[in-house]
Protein backbone atom coordinates (compact mmCIF):
# COMPACT_ATOMS: atom_id res chain seq x y z
CA MET A 1 -3.57 -30.51 -5.77
CA ALA A 2 -6.16 -28.39 -4.17
CA ILE A 3 -9.73 -29.20 -3.42
CA SER A 4 -12.60 -26.89 -4.06
CA GLY A 5 -15.28 -26.18 -1.46
CA ARG A 6 -17.55 -28.39 -3.95
CA VAL A 7 -16.47 -31.39 -2.40
CA PRO A 8 -17.44 -30.98 1.19
CA LEU A 9 -20.64 -30.06 0.00
CA LEU A 10 -20.74 -33.64 -2.30
CA VAL A 11 -19.77 -35.52 1.05
CA LEU A 12 -22.87 -33.95 2.82
CA LEU A 13 -25.03 -34.96 -0.39
CA GLY A 14 -24.47 -38.61 0.43
CA LEU A 15 -26.83 -38.41 3.85
CA VAL A 16 -29.49 -38.87 1.19
CA PRO A 17 -28.19 -42.50 0.13
CA VAL A 18 -27.23 -43.23 3.56
CA VAL A 19 -30.09 -42.42 5.10
CA LEU A 20 -32.19 -44.79 2.17
CA ARG A 21 -29.58 -47.50 2.87
CA PRO A 22 -28.63 -47.31 6.23
CA GLU A 23 -25.00 -49.19 5.96
CA ILE A 24 -21.56 -49.03 5.96
CA SER A 25 -20.95 -50.25 2.58
CA THR A 26 -23.38 -47.34 1.44
CA VAL A 27 -20.99 -44.87 3.58
CA TRP A 28 -17.97 -46.35 1.52
CA LEU A 29 -19.44 -46.54 -1.30
CA TRP A 30 -20.26 -42.71 -1.91
CA LEU A 31 -16.97 -41.89 -0.22
CA ALA A 32 -15.69 -43.73 -3.68
CA VAL A 33 -17.92 -41.56 -6.02
CA VAL A 34 -16.67 -38.27 -4.84
CA ALA A 35 -13.16 -39.69 -4.41
CA LEU A 36 -13.62 -40.64 -8.25
CA VAL A 37 -15.33 -37.07 -9.48
CA VAL A 38 -11.90 -35.44 -7.63
CA ALA A 39 -10.13 -37.55 -9.53
CA VAL A 40 -11.10 -37.41 -13.21
CA ASP A 41 -11.85 -33.19 -12.43
CA LEU A 42 -7.94 -33.24 -11.26
CA ALA A 43 -7.12 -35.41 -14.41
CA LEU A 44 -8.96 -32.82 -16.55
CA ALA A 45 -7.55 -29.65 -15.23
CA PRO A 46 -4.85 -27.34 -17.10
CA SER A 47 -1.47 -27.94 -15.39
CA PRO A 48 -0.15 -24.56 -14.76
CA ALA A 49 3.25 -25.53 -16.32
CA GLY A 50 1.70 -23.44 -19.37
CA LEU A 51 1.11 -20.38 -18.09
CA ALA A 52 4.26 -17.88 -18.30
CA PHE A 53 4.66 -14.51 -16.08
CA SER A 54 6.86 -11.84 -16.26
CA ARG A 55 7.00 -8.89 -13.98
CA ARG A 56 7.11 -5.15 -14.74
CA PRO A 57 9.84 -3.51 -12.20
CA VAL A 58 7.80 -1.17 -9.37
CA GLY A 59 10.62 0.99 -8.64
CA ALA A 60 10.67 2.96 -5.20
CA VAL A 61 8.16 4.54 -3.25
CA ARG A 62 8.22 6.87 0.04
CA LEU A 63 6.98 4.90 3.34
CA GLY A 64 3.39 5.06 3.76
CA GLU A 65 2.52 5.84 0.33
CA GLY A 66 1.00 3.37 -2.10
CA THR A 67 1.93 2.19 -5.15
CA ARG A 68 0.90 -0.96 -7.45
CA THR A 69 2.68 -3.92 -9.04
CA GLU A 70 1.63 -5.40 -12.30
CA LEU A 71 1.78 -9.12 -13.01
CA VAL A 72 1.37 -10.11 -16.59
CA VAL A 73 0.38 -13.98 -17.22
CA ARG A 74 0.68 -15.78 -20.78
CA ASN A 75 -1.82 -19.04 -21.53
CA GLU A 76 1.68 -20.57 -23.94
CA GLY A 77 -0.90 -24.02 -23.22
CA ARG A 78 -2.96 -25.56 -25.51
CA ARG A 79 -6.21 -25.56 -23.20
CA SER A 80 -8.28 -22.68 -21.53
CA VAL A 81 -7.24 -21.80 -18.66
CA ARG A 82 -10.07 -21.12 -15.31
CA GLY A 83 -8.93 -20.54 -11.77
CA ARG A 84 -6.94 -17.65 -9.69
CA VAL A 85 -3.80 -16.51 -9.00
CA ARG A 86 -1.95 -14.93 -5.73
CA ASP A 87 0.57 -12.47 -5.93
CA ALA A 88 2.30 -12.73 -2.35
CA TRP A 89 4.36 -10.57 -1.11
CA GLN A 90 6.56 -10.23 2.21
CA PRO A 91 3.87 -9.01 4.74
CA SER A 92 5.60 -5.98 5.15
CA ALA A 93 5.04 -4.42 1.56
CA GLY A 94 1.43 -4.32 2.09
CA ALA A 95 0.05 -6.61 -0.42
CA ASP A 96 -3.32 -6.78 1.66
CA VAL A 97 -3.80 -3.29 1.71
CA ASP A 98 -7.29 -3.66 0.28
CA GLY A 99 -8.12 -6.57 1.71
CA PRO A 100 -6.95 -10.10 2.93
CA HIS A 101 -7.61 -11.24 -0.30
CA ALA A 102 -6.60 -7.87 -2.39
CA ASN A 103 -3.70 -10.01 -4.40
CA ARG A 104 -5.91 -12.74 -5.35
CA HIS A 105 -6.98 -12.62 -8.87
CA PRO A 106 -9.31 -14.78 -11.34
CA LEU A 107 -7.85 -15.93 -14.04
CA ARG A 108 -9.24 -17.14 -17.92
CA LEU A 109 -7.46 -17.14 -20.80
CA ALA A 110 -7.85 -19.19 -24.08
CA PRO A 111 -4.69 -20.67 -25.58
CA GLY A 112 -2.30 -17.94 -26.49
CA ASP A 113 -3.74 -15.10 -24.66
CA GLY A 114 -2.33 -12.59 -21.83
CA ALA A 115 -3.82 -11.11 -18.64
CA ARG A 116 -1.77 -8.21 -16.63
CA LEU A 117 -2.58 -8.13 -12.67
CA THR A 118 -2.62 -5.40 -11.12
CA THR A 119 -1.39 -5.48 -7.01
CA ALA A 120 -1.72 -2.42 -4.74
CA LEU A 121 0.77 -2.03 -2.51
CA LEU A 122 1.77 -0.17 0.79
CA PRO A 123 4.62 -0.56 2.70
CA VAL A 124 5.15 -0.26 6.19
CA ARG A 125 8.81 -1.07 6.22
CA ARG A 126 11.58 0.74 5.36
CA GLY A 127 14.13 -1.23 2.96
CA ASP A 128 13.90 -3.73 -0.22
CA LEU A 129 10.65 -5.53 -0.22
CA ARG A 130 10.27 -8.34 -2.13
CA THR A 131 8.31 -11.52 -3.96
CA ALA A 132 7.22 -14.45 -1.49
CA GLY A 133 6.16 -16.04 -4.99
CA VAL A 134 3.53 -16.51 -7.26
CA SER A 135 1.18 -18.91 -6.72
CA VAL A 136 -1.52 -20.39 -9.44
CA ARG A 137 -4.50 -22.38 -8.83
CA LEU A 138 -6.10 -24.22 -11.89
CA GLY A 139 -9.71 -26.06 -12.07
CA GLY A 140 -11.45 -28.82 -13.90
CA PRO A 141 -14.65 -28.61 -15.85
CA LEU A 142 -16.44 -30.04 -12.83
CA GLY A 143 -14.90 -27.25 -10.57
CA ALA A 144 -14.34 -30.36 -7.73
CA ALA A 145 -10.32 -29.97 -7.80
CA TYR A 146 -7.66 -27.65 -8.70
CA ARG A 147 -3.89 -28.21 -10.07
CA GLN A 148 -1.53 -25.70 -7.93
CA ARG A 149 2.10 -24.60 -8.84
CA THR A 150 4.11 -21.89 -6.99
CA VAL A 151 6.59 -20.27 -9.71
CA ASP A 152 9.15 -17.54 -8.41
CA VAL A 153 8.64 -14.62 -10.27
CA PRO A 154 11.55 -11.80 -8.66
CA GLY A 155 10.25 -8.40 -7.84
CA SER A 156 10.62 -5.54 -4.95
CA VAL A 157 9.65 -2.26 -3.97
CA ARG A 158 12.02 -0.17 -2.41
CA ALA A 159 10.50 1.61 0.55
CA LEU A 160 12.24 5.06 1.03
CA PRO A 161 12.13 7.03 4.41
CA ALA A 162 8.97 9.27 5.09
CA PHE A 163 9.43 12.97 4.41
CA ASP A 164 6.38 13.81 6.13
CA SER A 165 7.91 17.52 7.16
CA ARG A 166 8.19 17.98 2.99
CA LYS A 167 4.46 20.28 3.32
CA HIS A 168 7.26 22.79 6.16
CA LEU A 169 9.64 23.05 3.11
CA PRO A 170 7.66 26.10 1.36
CA SER A 171 6.93 28.13 4.68
CA ARG A 172 11.42 27.96 5.19
CA LEU A 173 11.78 28.42 1.77
CA ALA A 174 10.08 31.88 1.85
CA ARG A 175 11.87 32.76 4.94
CA LEU A 176 15.30 31.70 3.07
CA ARG A 177 14.05 33.92 -0.23
CA GLU A 178 13.52 36.75 2.63
CA LEU A 179 17.04 36.06 4.31
CA ASP A 180 18.81 36.01 0.38
CA GLY A 181 16.98 39.39 -0.25
CA ARG A 182 14.79 38.03 -3.34
CA SER A 183 11.78 38.87 -1.69
CA ALA A 184 12.79 41.35 0.48
CA VAL A 185 15.50 43.93 1.71
CA ARG A 186 18.82 42.47 2.09
CA ILE A 187 20.41 41.91 5.18
CA ARG A 188 23.45 43.22 7.19
CA GLY A 189 25.24 41.16 9.77
CA GLN A 190 28.16 39.13 11.17
CA GLY A 191 29.47 36.59 8.64
CA THR A 192 27.37 38.15 5.63
CA GLU A 193 28.71 38.84 2.45
CA PHE A 194 28.69 42.37 0.44
CA ASP A 195 26.34 41.75 -2.59
CA SER A 196 25.55 45.71 -3.80
CA LEU A 197 25.04 49.14 -3.82
CA ARG A 198 21.88 50.92 -3.14
CA GLU A 199 20.44 54.63 -2.15
CA TYR A 200 19.49 55.13 1.74
CA VAL A 201 16.22 54.85 2.92
CA ARG A 202 14.93 55.68 5.98
CA GLY A 203 15.07 52.97 8.48
CA ASP A 204 18.07 51.67 6.84
CA ASP A 205 21.32 50.97 9.46
CA VAL A 206 23.64 53.94 9.53
CA ARG A 207 26.53 51.31 9.94
CA SER A 208 26.00 50.08 6.29
CA ILE A 209 26.84 53.78 4.80
CA ASP A 210 29.05 53.54 1.86
CA TRP A 211 30.89 56.86 2.73
CA ARG A 212 33.53 56.75 -0.21
CA ALA A 213 30.43 55.85 -2.58
CA SER A 214 27.89 58.51 -1.21
CA ALA A 215 31.16 61.46 -1.86
CA ARG A 216 31.36 60.08 -5.37
CA THR A 217 27.38 60.09 -6.23
CA ARG A 218 26.19 63.15 -4.23
CA LYS A 219 23.89 60.48 -2.79
CA VAL A 220 23.79 58.77 0.95
CA VAL A 221 24.68 55.44 -0.64
CA VAL A 222 24.61 51.74 1.56
CA ARG A 223 25.60 48.23 1.26
CA THR A 224 23.19 45.82 0.69
CA TRP A 225 24.34 42.10 2.38
CA GLN A 226 23.30 38.86 2.00
CA PRO A 227 24.09 35.33 3.86
CA GLU A 228 26.92 33.31 3.24
CA ARG A 229 26.65 30.58 0.85
CA ASP A 230 28.64 27.71 0.35
CA ARG A 231 28.97 26.91 4.35
CA ARG A 232 28.98 22.96 5.37
CA VAL A 233 26.46 21.58 7.29
CA VAL A 234 27.13 17.93 8.39
CA ILE A 235 24.28 15.50 9.40
CA VAL A 236 25.21 12.39 12.25
CA LEU A 237 22.71 10.48 12.71
CA ASP A 238 22.76 7.87 15.34
CA THR A 239 21.93 4.29 14.91
CA SER A 240 22.39 2.94 18.32
CA ARG A 241 19.81 1.26 20.63
CA THR A 242 18.24 4.67 21.93
CA SER A 243 17.34 5.17 18.17
CA ALA A 244 14.98 2.28 18.20
CA GLY A 245 12.33 3.45 21.21
CA ARG A 246 8.70 4.10 19.73
CA VAL A 247 7.00 7.41 20.21
CA ARG A 248 3.59 7.59 19.10
CA GLY A 249 4.43 4.21 17.39
CA VAL A 250 7.05 5.71 15.26
CA PRO A 251 10.74 4.95 16.09
CA ARG A 252 12.75 7.45 17.09
CA LEU A 253 15.06 6.49 14.19
CA ASP A 254 12.40 7.34 11.64
CA SER A 255 11.53 10.66 12.89
CA SER A 256 15.30 11.57 13.07
CA MET A 257 15.65 10.83 9.56
CA ASP A 258 12.41 12.68 8.73
CA ALA A 259 14.40 15.91 10.08
CA ALA A 260 17.64 15.23 8.63
CA LEU A 261 15.55 15.46 5.32
CA LEU A 262 14.02 18.78 5.75
CA LEU A 263 16.99 20.11 6.52
CA ALA A 264 19.02 19.23 3.81
CA ALA A 265 16.44 20.04 1.57
CA LEU A 266 16.49 23.53 2.90
CA ALA A 267 20.14 23.78 2.98
CA SER A 268 20.71 22.38 -0.50
CA ARG A 269 18.11 25.51 -1.66
CA ALA A 270 20.79 27.93 0.57
CA GLY A 271 23.52 26.40 -1.39
CA ASP A 272 25.60 25.21 1.62
CA ARG A 273 27.27 21.61 0.87
CA ILE A 274 25.88 18.79 2.59
CA ASP A 275 27.71 15.62 4.18
CA PHE A 276 25.67 12.68 6.38
CA LEU A 277 27.09 10.46 8.13
CA ALA A 278 25.25 7.43 10.49
CA GLY A 279 26.16 5.01 13.16
CA ASP A 280 26.50 3.75 16.06
CA ARG A 281 30.00 1.33 17.00
CA GLY A 282 31.02 2.88 13.40
CA VAL A 283 30.31 4.52 10.51
CA ARG A 284 27.53 2.82 8.68
CA ARG A 285 26.67 5.37 6.30
CA ARG A 286 28.92 7.72 4.69
CA VAL A 287 27.53 10.42 2.11
CA ARG A 288 29.41 13.66 0.28
CA ALA A 289 26.09 15.13 -1.22
CA ALA A 290 27.94 18.46 -1.60
CA GLY A 291 24.27 20.60 -2.09
CA SER A 292 23.98 18.35 -5.08
CA ALA A 293 20.25 19.33 -6.38
CA GLN A 294 19.07 15.36 -5.57
CA VAL A 295 20.47 15.99 -2.04
CA VAL A 296 17.24 15.09 -0.97
CA HIS A 297 17.03 11.81 -3.01
CA THR A 298 20.90 10.45 -1.97
CA LEU A 299 20.01 10.66 1.36
CA SER A 300 16.90 9.06 1.26
CA GLU A 301 18.52 6.11 0.00
CA ALA A 302 21.26 6.01 1.97
CA MET A 303 19.02 5.71 4.67
CA THR A 304 16.45 3.13 3.47
CA ASP A 305 18.17 0.02 5.03
CA LEU A 306 18.98 1.67 8.02
CA ASP A 307 18.32 0.07 11.18
CA ALA A 308 18.70 0.44 14.65
CA VAL A 309 21.44 -1.39 16.29
CA ILE A 310 20.92 -2.63 20.20
CA ALA A 311 24.58 -1.44 21.02
CA GLU A 312 25.90 2.09 22.19
CA ALA A 313 27.37 4.65 20.24
CA ASP A 314 30.56 4.82 20.02
CA TRP A 315 30.90 9.08 19.82
CA ARG A 316 34.94 8.70 20.02
CA ALA A 317 34.43 6.94 16.32
CA LEU A 318 31.78 9.19 14.87
CA ALA A 319 33.30 12.45 15.51
CA GLY A 320 36.15 11.39 14.41
CA ALA A 321 34.88 10.27 10.95
CA THR A 322 32.69 14.13 11.31
CA GLN A 323 36.34 15.59 11.56
CA GLU A 324 38.00 13.27 8.35
CA LEU A 325 35.14 15.73 6.75
CA GLY A 326 37.02 18.64 6.48
CA ARG A 327 38.68 21.02 9.15
CA ARG A 328 36.60 23.53 7.65
CA ARG A 329 34.23 25.49 10.08
CA ALA A 330 30.49 23.26 9.67
CA LEU A 331 27.32 23.47 11.29
CA VAL A 332 27.16 19.71 12.80
CA VAL A 333 23.98 18.37 13.94
CA LEU A 334 23.19 15.67 15.79
CA LEU A 335 20.28 13.54 15.77
CA THR A 336 20.50 11.65 18.92
CA SER A 337 18.74 11.35 22.28
CA LEU A 338 18.69 13.20 25.66
CA GLU A 339 19.84 10.26 28.03
CA SER A 340 21.90 11.94 30.51
CA ALA A 341 23.23 7.65 31.04
CA VAL A 342 24.72 8.07 27.12
CA VAL A 343 25.45 11.70 27.10
CA GLU A 344 27.82 11.65 29.97
CA GLU A 345 29.66 8.98 29.24
CA SER A 346 30.20 8.91 25.59
CA LEU A 347 29.19 12.51 23.70
CA LEU A 348 30.37 14.67 26.24
CA PRO A 349 34.06 13.70 26.03
CA VAL A 350 34.53 14.63 22.61
CA LEU A 351 31.91 17.32 22.29
CA PRO A 352 34.67 20.18 23.24
CA THR A 353 36.73 18.98 19.70
CA LEU A 354 33.43 19.05 17.57
CA THR A 355 32.85 22.50 19.29
CA HIS A 356 36.32 23.73 19.10
CA HIS A 357 35.72 23.75 15.39
CA HIS A 358 32.15 23.50 14.53
CA ARG A 359 28.68 24.37 15.86
CA VAL A 360 27.52 21.82 17.54
CA VAL A 361 23.44 21.06 17.58
CA VAL A 362 21.93 18.57 19.28
CA ALA A 363 18.39 17.17 18.24
CA ALA A 364 16.01 14.94 20.12
CA VAL A 365 12.67 13.67 20.13
CA ARG A 366 10.79 13.66 23.34
CA ASP A 367 7.95 11.81 24.27
CA PRO A 368 5.02 13.67 24.58
CA ALA A 369 3.59 11.01 27.14
CA LEU A 370 6.45 12.27 29.67
CA ASP A 371 4.58 15.24 29.98
CA GLU A 372 1.20 13.05 30.19
CA LEU A 373 2.16 11.31 32.68
CA ALA A 374 3.66 14.17 34.61
CA ALA A 375 0.34 16.28 34.69
CA ASP A 376 -1.89 13.39 35.52
CA ARG A 377 -2.72 13.31 39.60
CA SER A 378 -6.11 10.81 39.25
CA ASP A 379 -5.32 8.67 41.78
CA LEU A 380 -1.69 7.06 43.86
CA ALA A 381 -0.97 5.39 41.02
CA ALA A 382 -1.30 7.89 38.50
CA VAL A 383 0.97 10.30 41.56
CA TYR A 384 3.58 7.59 41.43
CA ALA A 385 3.90 7.50 37.50
CA ALA A 386 3.70 11.71 37.79
CA ALA A 387 7.08 11.31 40.39
CA ALA A 388 8.71 9.04 37.88
CA ALA A 389 7.85 11.42 34.66
CA GLU A 390 9.12 14.66 36.24
CA GLN A 391 12.51 12.74 37.42
CA VAL A 392 12.95 11.55 33.79
CA ALA A 393 11.94 14.72 32.32
CA ALA A 394 14.42 16.83 35.00
CA ARG A 395 17.34 13.94 33.95
CA ARG A 396 16.93 15.73 30.41
CA ARG A 397 16.68 19.41 31.56
CA ALA A 398 20.03 18.92 33.32
CA THR A 399 21.45 16.84 30.38
CA ALA A 400 20.45 19.69 28.13
CA ASP A 401 21.85 22.85 30.25
CA LEU A 402 25.05 20.39 30.90
CA LEU A 403 25.14 20.63 26.28
CA GLU A 404 24.59 24.04 26.53
CA ALA A 405 26.83 25.13 28.48
CA LEU A 406 30.05 23.57 26.34
CA GLY A 407 28.47 25.63 23.58
CA VAL A 408 25.76 23.36 22.26
CA ASP A 409 22.55 24.34 20.81
CA VAL A 410 20.00 21.78 21.67
CA LEU A 411 16.73 21.18 20.35
CA ASP A 412 14.30 18.51 22.39
CA THR A 413 10.97 18.81 21.44
CA ASP A 414 8.37 15.72 19.84
CA ALA A 415 9.14 14.17 16.99
CA GLU A 416 6.18 16.37 14.65
CA ARG A 417 7.94 19.58 15.45
CA LEU A 418 11.22 18.07 15.70
CA ALA A 419 11.76 18.66 12.13
CA PRO A 420 10.62 21.80 11.49
CA ALA A 421 12.15 23.07 14.63
CA LEU A 422 15.05 21.75 13.49
CA ALA A 423 14.62 23.67 10.20
CA ASP A 424 13.99 27.06 11.37
CA HIS A 425 17.01 26.86 13.84
CA TYR A 426 19.02 26.86 10.77
CA LEU A 427 17.29 29.30 9.23
CA SER A 428 17.71 31.33 12.93
CA LEU A 429 21.87 31.17 12.21
CA LYS A 430 21.80 32.00 9.05
CA ALA A 431 20.38 35.18 9.65
CA ARG A 432 22.26 35.87 12.11
CA GLY A 433 25.33 35.08 10.53
CA LEU A 434 26.46 32.60 12.47
CA LEU A 435 26.71 29.19 10.18
């Protein structure tokens, strides 16, 4: 049961008889009249049990992108109904994106009629976001009281990781086509594969001349090359406590996921095989995508319900899992942090094993607030903050130098540049035949 705003107004209207007859009995009599009106209106209100609800599947949506859910309601009773329906979802589903009352819908149905109520959703957190119940409130003919009931109408929306960096994919695919030779002359380099023969033109590398073929055709013929395909790319996502930190309001883990998706999309188009690992104290996700055309969707599904764990990463276990994927040489991308204590205590001991068999890249999200603090000298407090920021930055540089001395490529940049920087580094390795 619920009362409408008319009931307080009706109570206030009782001031008139109280002024005309200022006695306590008048007050009680008026309150009794109001209670009677409410009771009669409630008795005449139709029952919400006569309504049947169903929901159409919502499906999956990228984090930050909107979608809609459709609730179907049908009046199976013998009386007309008038009221409101609230389609409640858990807060992170963003059912109130269009306003605090966006998921509340007016309802007016004759017997046997139905309606479709649409609610906009804008998820703000990854994972499976579910409904919290459908509340229906039907009023009586006087509009003073309502019968109310909450029913469970199952529904969910799967919020996949955001893929904001896909805007960089067309330009990187164009560069990849240049490497493959579909829009430019094929290149020659270490680790490339023979493609075909063609006549020599000025500017060609003389080392590419095929002298035997030239002798047969009486023309100078050169060999053309293309980057090797069917390489292995292993993406390792760190979900330990360092990935829980936020940079510009976005968790480092989400920024790393974005970079992983762009790299996977690019590498799959290049014909390479992609394996994916995610873990902290142990391996939490393992995906053998193997260059599938659906690799981005596959990885997105695997990442959806991953959250940072407040624990240190066990890089010995993660490195062991990487080795179990195969001994064949691969590009191993570690999406982690450059926190010196973590790197020196956990990651460094296992790096020699990885670098001996694979090409290793460490990609980390750098907080631009460090540079802003280091540049501020406006007052004494700012100077102390700048000194602290410089100290942190110096430790990161020292850690990066230590990794590079072990043969590891280090990418340390802000969240927006991490994904394109990693893609560019992959293309650079591809062009130089270092995969």
